[in-house]
């Protein structure tokens, strides 16, 4: 979730951790019109008309909590009709961030507790996600927005009202040889 220039993200909005107040810092991020087509191409969607986020960042020592929403207006291509259709998204965001060094200590402690270098990961669905790393004192809100947008996209978008109609059962039940025999009879 943090900025890595080598990652080639189409959009980045870095925030230095030391600028975040303990009582909370508001951040509003709007992607400019020139960047929207690059994001649409990276996410393989027909078009992206609007992408913005509203966040509150609070800091407790080195730990940072991010809460807010990512909103987008876009077009996806229907898998049934192959026509683009409008989609509006409002995605809630809630993340915790820790410096990389603290995360490394936590991971080492977990590996030591599990014994012999084997890492056993237990996933509880009712728990919050583990903290994300703060790299070089920076949290990239652009990367957060792109990740949450990508995760909220429907992988099989279907235009409202579009329905797949399967071929008639008679056609499905025919063998290819029956179709060839009918062609031969028609000669």
Protein backbone atom coordinates (compact mmCIF):
# COMPACT_ATOMS: atom_id res chain seq x y z
CA UNK A 1 0.00 0.00 0.00
CA UNK A 2 2.97 2.31 0.16
CA UNK A 3 4.61 4.08 -2.73
CA UNK A 4 7.27 2.21 -4.67
CA UNK A 5 8.43 4.12 -7.74
CA UNK A 6 9.60 0.87 -9.34
CA UNK A 7 6.10 -0.60 -9.04
CA UNK A 8 4.89 1.60 -11.89
CA UNK A 9 1.59 2.58 -10.30
CA UNK A 10 -0.50 4.83 -12.54
CA UNK A 11 -1.34 7.06 -9.55
CA UNK A 12 0.41 7.93 -6.31
CA UNK A 13 -0.45 10.30 -3.45
CA UNK A 14 2.19 9.95 -0.70
CA UNK A 15 1.56 11.20 2.84
CA UNK A 16 4.43 11.55 5.31
CA UNK A 17 3.58 9.95 8.65
CA UNK A 18 5.05 12.84 10.67
CA UNK A 19 2.45 15.19 9.11
CA UNK A 20 -0.43 13.14 10.56
CA UNK A 21 -1.85 14.59 13.80
CA UNK A 22 -2.79 12.32 16.68
CA UNK A 23 -6.35 13.65 16.76
CA UNK A 24 -6.73 13.01 13.07
CA UNK A 25 -5.84 14.48 9.72
CA UNK A 26 -8.39 14.70 6.92
CA UNK A 27 -7.24 13.92 3.39
CA UNK A 28 -9.22 14.29 0.19
CA UNK A 29 -7.69 12.84 -2.95
CA UNK A 30 -9.11 13.38 -6.44
CA UNK A 31 -7.50 11.83 -9.50
CA UNK A 32 -7.01 14.28 -12.37
CA UNK A 33 -8.61 13.69 -15.78
CA UNK A 34 -5.26 12.97 -17.46
CA UNK A 35 -4.54 10.04 -15.11
CA UNK A 36 -7.95 8.35 -15.31
CA UNK A 37 -7.31 6.62 -18.70
CA UNK A 38 -4.02 5.14 -17.41
CA UNK A 39 -5.81 3.71 -14.37
CA UNK A 40 -8.60 2.31 -16.57
CA UNK A 41 -6.02 0.62 -18.80
CA UNK A 42 -4.16 -0.81 -15.77
CA UNK A 43 -7.42 -2.23 -14.36
CA UNK A 44 -8.66 -3.42 -17.76
CA UNK A 45 -11.98 -1.56 -17.60
CA UNK A 46 -13.71 0.28 -20.46
CA UNK A 47 -13.35 3.75 -18.89
CA UNK A 48 -12.93 5.56 -15.60
CA UNK A 49 -14.71 8.90 -15.33
CA UNK A 50 -14.09 9.73 -11.65
CA UNK A 51 -12.00 8.38 -8.78
CA UNK A 52 -11.65 10.12 -5.45
CA UNK A 53 -11.19 9.29 -1.80
CA UNK A 54 -11.97 10.87 1.52
CA UNK A 55 -9.90 9.68 4.44
CA UNK A 56 -9.19 10.34 8.09
CA UNK A 57 -5.73 9.35 9.26
CA UNK A 58 -5.03 9.12 13.00
CA UNK A 59 -1.68 8.40 14.58
CA UNK A 60 -0.87 6.65 17.84
CA UNK A 61 2.90 6.70 18.14
CA UNK A 62 4.15 5.03 14.98
CA UNK A 63 0.87 3.22 14.30
CA UNK A 64 -1.50 4.90 11.81
CA UNK A 65 -5.19 4.13 11.30
CA UNK A 66 -6.80 5.00 7.96
CA UNK A 67 -10.58 5.17 7.61
CA UNK A 68 -12.66 6.55 4.78
CA UNK A 69 -14.26 5.86 1.41
CA UNK A 70 -13.14 5.45 -2.19
CA UNK A 71 -15.71 6.51 -4.77
CA UNK A 72 -15.60 5.85 -8.49
CA UNK A 73 -17.69 6.29 -11.62
CA UNK A 74 -16.66 3.92 -14.40
CA UNK A 75 -17.78 1.72 -17.28
CA UNK A 76 -17.26 -2.03 -17.43
CA UNK A 77 -17.94 -4.35 -20.37
CA UNK A 78 -20.85 -6.76 -19.91
CA UNK A 79 -19.82 -10.41 -20.26
CA UNK A 80 -23.15 -11.26 -21.92
CA UNK A 81 -23.77 -8.41 -24.37
CA UNK A 82 -20.15 -7.14 -24.66
CA UNK A 83 -21.50 -3.58 -24.29
CA UNK A 84 -20.05 -1.08 -21.80
CA UNK A 85 -22.35 -0.03 -18.96
CA UNK A 86 -22.07 2.50 -16.12
CA UNK A 87 -21.00 1.45 -12.63
CA UNK A 88 -20.88 3.62 -9.49
CA UNK A 89 -18.83 2.38 -6.54
CA UNK A 90 -18.51 3.57 -2.96
CA UNK A 91 -16.03 1.40 -1.09
CA UNK A 92 -15.33 1.71 2.65
CA UNK A 93 -11.65 1.67 3.63
CA UNK A 94 -10.24 0.76 7.02
CA UNK A 95 -6.56 -0.08 7.44
CA UNK A 96 -3.85 -0.01 10.08
CA UNK A 97 -0.22 0.77 9.24
CA UNK A 98 2.99 -0.02 11.14
CA UNK A 99 6.62 0.73 10.28
CA UNK A 100 8.34 -2.07 8.37
CA UNK A 101 10.75 -2.69 11.25
CA UNK A 102 7.92 -3.35 13.73
CA UNK A 103 6.20 -5.69 11.26
CA UNK A 104 9.47 -7.60 10.82
CA UNK A 105 9.75 -7.99 14.61
CA UNK A 106 6.15 -9.24 14.82
CA UNK A 107 6.75 -11.73 11.97
CA UNK A 108 9.98 -12.98 13.58
CA UNK A 109 8.22 -13.42 16.92
CA UNK A 110 5.38 -15.35 15.23
CA UNK A 111 7.89 -17.58 13.43
CA UNK A 112 9.75 -18.24 16.70
CA UNK A 113 6.51 -19.06 18.55
CA UNK A 114 5.42 -21.52 15.87
CA UNK A 115 8.76 -23.31 16.17
CA UNK A 116 11.50 -24.48 13.80
CA UNK A 117 11.01 -21.74 11.20
CA UNK A 118 7.67 -23.08 10.04
CA UNK A 119 5.02 -20.40 9.77
CA UNK A 120 1.50 -21.55 10.45
CA UNK A 121 -1.08 -18.99 9.39
CA UNK A 122 -4.50 -19.10 10.95
CA UNK A 123 -7.18 -16.97 9.35
CA UNK A 124 -10.12 -15.81 11.42
CA UNK A 125 -12.81 -14.12 9.36
CA UNK A 126 -14.03 -11.93 12.24
CA UNK A 127 -10.63 -10.32 12.81
CA UNK A 128 -9.23 -7.18 11.22
CA UNK A 129 -6.59 -7.49 8.54
CA UNK A 130 -2.99 -7.39 9.76
CA UNK A 131 -1.28 -3.99 9.57
CA UNK A 132 0.22 -2.75 6.32
CA UNK A 133 3.86 -1.58 6.26
CA UNK A 134 4.90 2.07 6.37
CA UNK A 135 7.87 2.30 4.00
CA UNK A 136 10.36 5.12 4.58
CA UNK A 137 7.82 7.04 6.69
CA UNK A 138 5.30 7.28 3.83
CA UNK A 139 1.76 5.98 3.28
CA UNK A 140 0.59 6.11 -0.35
CA UNK A 141 -3.11 6.97 -0.45
CA UNK A 142 -3.07 6.57 -4.25
CA UNK A 143 -1.99 2.94 -3.92
CA UNK A 144 -4.70 2.38 -1.28
CA UNK A 145 -7.34 3.84 -3.61
CA UNK A 146 -6.20 1.71 -6.55
CA UNK A 147 -6.13 -1.48 -4.50
CA UNK A 148 -9.59 -0.99 -3.03
CA UNK A 149 -10.99 -0.02 -6.44
CA UNK A 150 -9.47 -3.12 -8.05
CA UNK A 151 -10.81 -5.38 -5.29
CA UNK A 152 -14.32 -3.96 -5.59
CA UNK A 153 -14.65 -4.43 -9.36
CA UNK A 154 -16.95 -7.25 -10.45
CA UNK A 155 -14.76 -9.83 -12.23
CA UNK A 156 -17.76 -10.91 -14.34
CA UNK A 157 -19.70 -7.70 -14.91
CA UNK A 158 -23.24 -8.10 -16.18
CA UNK A 159 -25.31 -5.21 -17.50
CA UNK A 160 -28.60 -4.84 -15.59
CA UNK A 161 -31.25 -6.87 -17.37
CA UNK A 162 -28.77 -8.83 -19.50
CA UNK A 163 -29.44 -12.54 -19.47
CA UNK A 164 -27.57 -15.35 -21.11
CA UNK A 165 -29.83 -17.47 -23.28
CA UNK A 166 -28.58 -20.99 -23.79
CA UNK A 167 -29.11 -22.74 -27.11
CA UNK A 168 -32.16 -24.90 -27.54
CA UNK A 169 -31.87 -28.36 -25.98
CA UNK A 170 -32.44 -30.06 -29.37
CA UNK A 171 -29.29 -28.45 -30.75
CA UNK A 172 -27.25 -29.47 -27.71
CA UNK A 173 -28.43 -33.09 -27.83
CA UNK A 174 -27.57 -33.65 -31.48
CA UNK A 175 -24.36 -35.41 -32.21
CA UNK A 176 -22.07 -33.98 -34.88
CA UNK A 177 -22.65 -37.13 -36.94
CA UNK A 178 -26.41 -36.56 -36.96
CA UNK A 179 -25.85 -33.07 -38.32
CA UNK A 180 -23.55 -34.49 -41.06
CA UNK A 181 -26.12 -37.16 -41.96
CA UNK A 182 -28.81 -34.50 -42.31
CA UNK A 183 -26.53 -32.47 -44.60
CA UNK A 184 -25.89 -35.55 -46.73
CA UNK A 185 -29.64 -36.26 -47.02
CA UNK A 186 -30.27 -32.67 -48.13
CA UNK A 187 -27.98 -33.08 -51.14
